[in-house]
Amino acid sequence: MDKVDFSEWKKIEIKVGKVIVVEKIPNRDKLYKLQVDVGEEKPRQIITGLVPYYKESKLLNKLIIVLTNLKPATFAGEISNGMLLAAEKEDGSKCVLLTVDQEIEPGTIVT
């Protein structure tokens, strides 16, 4: 894998986010539409393939780690404006969200 230097790393903006709305996308087996508070004026919509790994109730109000300066992308006709960070086994059998170990405000920068 290629290594990046510190100046490249500094271009990435990662923040703590709080999941405030969780909706399953109709006719999609794996996709949720999340509204995530990242400390901005309005929540960000993020589309994620976590349905096989998390029930809606386990995602709601969860503090997660979000890549916030990723260009928007479209999934299942919905705009995703960020990416949550997770660790997934290579075979897809398990996926866990990266979270914080203590309460901290949404929008806090991850350094």
N, C-alpha and C. Protein backbone atom coordinates (compact mmCIF):
# COMPACT_ATOMS: atom_id res chain seq x y z
N MET A 1 0.84 -1.17 0.00
CA MET A 1 0.00 0.00 0.00
C MET A 1 0.89 1.24 0.00
N ASP A 2 0.47 2.23 -0.78
CA ASP A 2 1.22 3.49 -0.83
C ASP A 2 1.11 4.23 0.49
N LYS A 3 2.19 4.87 0.88
CA LYS A 3 2.19 5.69 2.08
C LYS A 3 1.89 7.13 1.69
N VAL A 4 1.23 7.84 2.60
CA VAL A 4 0.94 9.25 2.36
C VAL A 4 1.77 10.09 3.32
N ASP A 5 2.13 11.28 2.88
CA ASP A 5 2.87 12.13 3.81
C ASP A 5 1.88 12.97 4.62
N PHE A 6 2.41 13.64 5.62
CA PHE A 6 1.57 14.37 6.56
C PHE A 6 0.74 15.45 5.88
N SER A 7 1.28 16.10 4.85
CA SER A 7 0.52 17.15 4.16
C SER A 7 -0.73 16.57 3.49
N GLU A 8 -0.66 15.35 3.00
CA GLU A 8 -1.83 14.70 2.41
C GLU A 8 -2.84 14.33 3.50
N TRP A 9 -2.37 13.82 4.61
CA TRP A 9 -3.23 13.45 5.74
C TRP A 9 -4.01 14.67 6.23
N LYS A 10 -3.37 15.83 6.26
CA LYS A 10 -4.01 17.05 6.76
C LYS A 10 -5.18 17.49 5.89
N LYS A 11 -5.28 17.01 4.67
CA LYS A 11 -6.39 17.35 3.79
C LYS A 11 -7.69 16.65 4.21
N ILE A 12 -7.59 15.60 4.98
CA ILE A 12 -8.75 14.82 5.38
C ILE A 12 -9.39 15.47 6.61
N GLU A 13 -10.72 15.66 6.54
CA GLU A 13 -11.45 16.22 7.67
C GLU A 13 -12.34 15.13 8.25
N ILE A 14 -12.07 14.79 9.50
CA ILE A 14 -12.83 13.75 10.19
C ILE A 14 -13.41 14.37 11.45
N LYS A 15 -14.72 14.14 11.67
CA LYS A 15 -15.41 14.70 12.82
C LYS A 15 -16.24 13.63 13.53
N VAL A 16 -16.56 13.93 14.78
CA VAL A 16 -17.52 13.11 15.52
C VAL A 16 -18.91 13.49 15.02
N GLY A 17 -19.73 12.50 14.76
CA GLY A 17 -21.11 12.74 14.35
C GLY A 17 -22.07 11.99 15.25
N LYS A 18 -23.28 12.50 15.35
CA LYS A 18 -24.33 11.82 16.12
C LYS A 18 -25.46 11.48 15.17
N VAL A 19 -25.81 10.20 15.10
CA VAL A 19 -26.89 9.75 14.23
C VAL A 19 -28.22 10.19 14.86
N ILE A 20 -28.97 11.02 14.13
CA ILE A 20 -30.23 11.53 14.69
C ILE A 20 -31.47 10.99 13.99
N VAL A 21 -31.31 10.44 12.79
CA VAL A 21 -32.42 9.79 12.07
C VAL A 21 -31.85 8.59 11.32
N VAL A 22 -32.59 7.47 11.38
CA VAL A 22 -32.21 6.26 10.64
C VAL A 22 -33.42 5.79 9.86
N GLU A 23 -33.28 5.63 8.53
CA GLU A 23 -34.36 5.11 7.70
C GLU A 23 -33.80 4.05 6.77
N LYS A 24 -34.50 2.93 6.65
CA LYS A 24 -34.12 1.92 5.67
C LYS A 24 -34.59 2.41 4.31
N ILE A 25 -33.74 2.29 3.30
CA ILE A 25 -34.12 2.70 1.95
C ILE A 25 -34.97 1.60 1.33
N PRO A 26 -36.19 1.94 0.89
CA PRO A 26 -37.09 0.93 0.32
C PRO A 26 -36.45 0.19 -0.86
N ASN A 27 -36.74 -1.08 -0.93
CA ASN A 27 -36.29 -1.95 -2.03
C ASN A 27 -34.78 -2.12 -2.09
N ARG A 28 -34.10 -1.85 -1.01
CA ARG A 28 -32.65 -2.07 -0.92
C ARG A 28 -32.38 -2.90 0.32
N ASP A 29 -31.70 -4.03 0.16
CA ASP A 29 -31.47 -4.95 1.27
C ASP A 29 -30.46 -4.45 2.29
N LYS A 30 -29.53 -3.61 1.87
CA LYS A 30 -28.40 -3.28 2.74
C LYS A 30 -28.32 -1.81 3.15
N LEU A 31 -29.14 -0.93 2.56
CA LEU A 31 -28.90 0.50 2.72
C LEU A 31 -29.80 1.21 3.73
N TYR A 32 -29.14 2.00 4.56
CA TYR A 32 -29.82 2.96 5.43
C TYR A 32 -29.53 4.36 4.93
N LYS A 33 -30.49 5.25 5.16
CA LYS A 33 -30.30 6.68 4.97
C LYS A 33 -30.24 7.29 6.36
N LEU A 34 -29.10 7.84 6.71
CA LEU A 34 -28.89 8.44 8.02
C LEU A 34 -28.88 9.95 7.92
N GLN A 35 -29.37 10.61 8.95
CA GLN A 35 -29.16 12.04 9.14
C GLN A 35 -28.19 12.13 10.32
N VAL A 36 -27.07 12.80 10.10
CA VAL A 36 -25.99 12.81 11.09
C VAL A 36 -25.64 14.26 11.44
N ASP A 37 -25.69 14.57 12.73
CA ASP A 37 -25.27 15.88 13.23
C ASP A 37 -23.75 15.86 13.35
N VAL A 38 -23.10 16.72 12.55
CA VAL A 38 -21.64 16.86 12.62
C VAL A 38 -21.27 18.28 13.05
N GLY A 39 -22.18 18.91 13.80
CA GLY A 39 -21.90 20.23 14.34
C GLY A 39 -22.08 21.37 13.36
N GLU A 40 -22.79 21.12 12.27
CA GLU A 40 -23.04 22.16 11.27
C GLU A 40 -24.48 22.67 11.40
N GLU A 41 -24.84 23.64 10.58
CA GLU A 41 -26.16 24.25 10.64
C GLU A 41 -27.27 23.22 10.48
N LYS A 42 -27.08 22.27 9.56
CA LYS A 42 -28.07 21.21 9.38
C LYS A 42 -27.37 19.87 9.30
N PRO A 43 -28.09 18.79 9.62
CA PRO A 43 -27.48 17.45 9.58
C PRO A 43 -27.08 17.07 8.16
N ARG A 44 -26.15 16.14 8.07
CA ARG A 44 -25.72 15.59 6.78
C ARG A 44 -26.44 14.27 6.55
N GLN A 45 -26.81 14.06 5.30
CA GLN A 45 -27.37 12.77 4.92
C GLN A 45 -26.23 11.87 4.47
N ILE A 46 -26.19 10.67 5.04
CA ILE A 46 -25.17 9.69 4.69
C ILE A 46 -25.86 8.37 4.38
N ILE A 47 -25.55 7.80 3.24
CA ILE A 47 -26.08 6.50 2.85
C ILE A 47 -25.04 5.45 3.20
N THR A 48 -25.49 4.40 3.85
CA THR A 48 -24.54 3.38 4.32
C THR A 48 -25.12 1.98 4.20
N GLY A 49 -24.27 1.01 3.99
CA GLY A 49 -24.68 -0.39 3.83
C GLY A 49 -24.64 -1.17 5.13
N LEU A 50 -25.16 -0.61 6.20
CA LEU A 50 -25.07 -1.24 7.52
C LEU A 50 -26.26 -2.11 7.90
N VAL A 51 -27.27 -2.23 7.04
CA VAL A 51 -28.47 -3.00 7.41
C VAL A 51 -28.13 -4.42 7.88
N PRO A 52 -27.20 -5.14 7.24
CA PRO A 52 -26.91 -6.50 7.71
C PRO A 52 -26.23 -6.54 9.09
N TYR A 53 -25.70 -5.41 9.54
CA TYR A 53 -24.88 -5.41 10.75
C TYR A 53 -25.51 -4.70 11.94
N TYR A 54 -26.39 -3.74 11.70
CA TYR A 54 -26.97 -2.94 12.78
C TYR A 54 -28.47 -2.77 12.60
N LYS A 55 -29.21 -2.93 13.70
CA LYS A 55 -30.63 -2.58 13.71
C LYS A 55 -30.73 -1.06 13.82
N GLU A 56 -31.82 -0.51 13.32
CA GLU A 56 -32.02 0.93 13.37
C GLU A 56 -31.87 1.46 14.80
N SER A 57 -32.43 0.74 15.75
CA SER A 57 -32.40 1.20 17.15
C SER A 57 -30.98 1.27 17.71
N LYS A 58 -30.07 0.46 17.19
CA LYS A 58 -28.67 0.48 17.66
C LYS A 58 -27.87 1.62 17.04
N LEU A 59 -28.35 2.15 15.92
CA LEU A 59 -27.67 3.27 15.27
C LEU A 59 -28.14 4.62 15.80
N LEU A 60 -29.41 4.71 16.15
CA LEU A 60 -29.98 5.98 16.58
C LEU A 60 -29.26 6.51 17.82
N ASN A 61 -28.85 7.76 17.75
CA ASN A 61 -28.13 8.48 18.81
C ASN A 61 -26.69 8.00 19.03
N LYS A 62 -26.19 7.15 18.17
CA LYS A 62 -24.82 6.66 18.30
C LYS A 62 -23.84 7.74 17.86
N LEU A 63 -22.77 7.92 18.64
CA LEU A 63 -21.68 8.81 18.24
C LEU A 63 -20.72 8.02 17.36
N ILE A 64 -20.51 8.52 16.14
CA ILE A 64 -19.71 7.81 15.16
C ILE A 64 -18.61 8.74 14.63
N ILE A 65 -17.73 8.19 13.82
CA ILE A 65 -16.65 8.95 13.20
C ILE A 65 -17.00 9.10 11.71
N VAL A 66 -16.94 10.37 11.23
CA VAL A 66 -17.39 10.68 9.88
C VAL A 66 -16.31 11.43 9.10
N LEU A 67 -16.04 10.97 7.90
CA LEU A 67 -15.20 11.70 6.95
C LEU A 67 -16.11 12.74 6.31
N THR A 68 -15.83 14.03 6.56
CA THR A 68 -16.77 15.07 6.17
C THR A 68 -16.40 15.84 4.90
N ASN A 69 -15.18 15.74 4.42
CA ASN A 69 -14.84 16.50 3.22
C ASN A 69 -14.68 15.60 1.98
N LEU A 70 -15.44 14.53 1.96
CA LEU A 70 -15.51 13.65 0.80
C LEU A 70 -16.54 14.24 -0.18
N LYS A 71 -16.25 14.17 -1.46
CA LYS A 71 -17.21 14.66 -2.45
C LYS A 71 -18.50 13.85 -2.35
N PRO A 72 -19.67 14.51 -2.50
CA PRO A 72 -20.95 13.80 -2.44
C PRO A 72 -21.03 12.71 -3.51
N ALA A 73 -21.76 11.65 -3.18
CA ALA A 73 -21.97 10.53 -4.11
C ALA A 73 -23.44 10.14 -4.04
N THR A 74 -23.92 9.45 -5.07
CA THR A 74 -25.32 9.03 -5.13
C THR A 74 -25.39 7.51 -5.04
N PHE A 75 -26.26 7.04 -4.12
CA PHE A 75 -26.52 5.61 -3.95
C PHE A 75 -28.03 5.43 -3.91
N ALA A 76 -28.55 4.53 -4.72
CA ALA A 76 -29.98 4.23 -4.75
C ALA A 76 -30.81 5.51 -4.91
N GLY A 77 -30.29 6.45 -5.71
CA GLY A 77 -31.00 7.68 -5.97
C GLY A 77 -30.94 8.71 -4.85
N GLU A 78 -30.16 8.45 -3.82
CA GLU A 78 -30.04 9.35 -2.67
C GLU A 78 -28.62 9.89 -2.60
N ILE A 79 -28.49 11.18 -2.25
CA ILE A 79 -27.19 11.81 -2.11
C ILE A 79 -26.59 11.45 -0.76
N SER A 80 -25.34 11.04 -0.76
CA SER A 80 -24.59 10.79 0.46
C SER A 80 -23.53 11.87 0.59
N ASN A 81 -23.56 12.58 1.71
CA ASN A 81 -22.69 13.74 1.89
C ASN A 81 -21.72 13.50 3.05
N GLY A 82 -20.93 12.45 2.92
CA GLY A 82 -19.95 12.07 3.93
C GLY A 82 -19.84 10.56 3.98
N MET A 83 -18.91 10.07 4.79
CA MET A 83 -18.73 8.63 4.94
C MET A 83 -18.44 8.32 6.39
N LEU A 84 -19.21 7.40 6.95
CA LEU A 84 -18.89 6.96 8.30
C LEU A 84 -17.75 5.97 8.22
N LEU A 85 -16.97 5.89 9.26
CA LEU A 85 -15.83 4.97 9.27
C LEU A 85 -16.18 3.72 10.04
N ALA A 86 -15.79 2.59 9.48
CA ALA A 86 -16.09 1.29 10.08
C ALA A 86 -14.94 0.33 9.78
N ALA A 87 -14.87 -0.72 10.56
CA ALA A 87 -13.92 -1.81 10.31
C ALA A 87 -14.75 -3.01 9.86
N GLU A 88 -14.35 -3.60 8.72
CA GLU A 88 -15.10 -4.73 8.17
C GLU A 88 -14.16 -5.88 7.86
N LYS A 89 -14.56 -7.07 8.28
CA LYS A 89 -13.78 -8.26 7.94
C LYS A 89 -13.77 -8.43 6.43
N GLU A 90 -12.67 -8.94 5.93
CA GLU A 90 -12.49 -9.10 4.49
C GLU A 90 -13.61 -9.89 3.84
N ASP A 91 -14.13 -10.89 4.53
CA ASP A 91 -15.21 -11.71 3.97
C ASP A 91 -16.60 -11.11 4.18
N GLY A 92 -16.67 -9.93 4.81
CA GLY A 92 -17.95 -9.25 5.01
C GLY A 92 -18.80 -9.82 6.13
N SER A 93 -18.26 -10.75 6.89
CA SER A 93 -19.05 -11.40 7.94
C SER A 93 -19.28 -10.52 9.17
N LYS A 94 -18.50 -9.46 9.32
CA LYS A 94 -18.65 -8.57 10.46
C LYS A 94 -18.21 -7.18 10.08
N CYS A 95 -18.96 -6.19 10.57
CA CYS A 95 -18.64 -4.79 10.33
C CYS A 95 -18.99 -4.02 11.60
N VAL A 96 -18.05 -3.23 12.11
CA VAL A 96 -18.30 -2.44 13.32
C VAL A 96 -17.93 -0.99 13.06
N LEU A 97 -18.76 -0.11 13.59
CA LEU A 97 -18.53 1.33 13.45
C LEU A 97 -17.41 1.79 14.34
N LEU A 98 -16.63 2.76 13.87
CA LEU A 98 -15.67 3.42 14.73
C LEU A 98 -16.43 4.46 15.53
N THR A 99 -16.21 4.46 16.82
CA THR A 99 -16.93 5.35 17.72
C THR A 99 -15.94 6.00 18.68
N VAL A 100 -16.46 6.82 19.58
CA VAL A 100 -15.64 7.43 20.62
C VAL A 100 -15.91 6.69 21.92
N ASP A 101 -14.96 6.72 22.85
CA ASP A 101 -15.14 5.96 24.09
C ASP A 101 -15.72 6.80 25.22
N GLN A 102 -15.96 8.08 24.97
CA GLN A 102 -16.61 8.95 25.94
C GLN A 102 -17.51 9.92 25.19
N GLU A 103 -18.47 10.52 25.91
CA GLU A 103 -19.34 11.53 25.31
C GLU A 103 -18.52 12.74 24.89
N ILE A 104 -18.77 13.24 23.70
CA ILE A 104 -18.14 14.46 23.20
C ILE A 104 -19.10 15.06 22.17
N GLU A 105 -19.04 16.35 21.99
CA GLU A 105 -20.01 17.03 21.13
C GLU A 105 -19.84 16.65 19.66
N PRO A 106 -20.99 16.51 18.96
CA PRO A 106 -20.93 16.34 17.52
C PRO A 106 -20.20 17.52 16.88
N GLY A 107 -19.39 17.22 15.88
CA GLY A 107 -18.62 18.25 15.20
C GLY A 107 -17.19 18.37 15.70
N THR A 108 -16.89 17.69 16.80
CA THR A 108 -15.52 17.70 17.30
C THR A 108 -14.59 17.09 16.26
N ILE A 109 -13.50 17.76 15.98
CA ILE A 109 -12.52 17.29 14.98
C ILE A 109 -11.74 16.11 15.56
N VAL A 110 -11.56 15.09 14.72
CA VAL A 110 -10.73 13.95 15.06
C VAL A 110 -9.34 14.25 14.54
N THR A 111 -8.35 14.16 15.44
CA THR A 111 -6.98 14.47 15.04
C THR A 111 -6.09 13.26 15.19
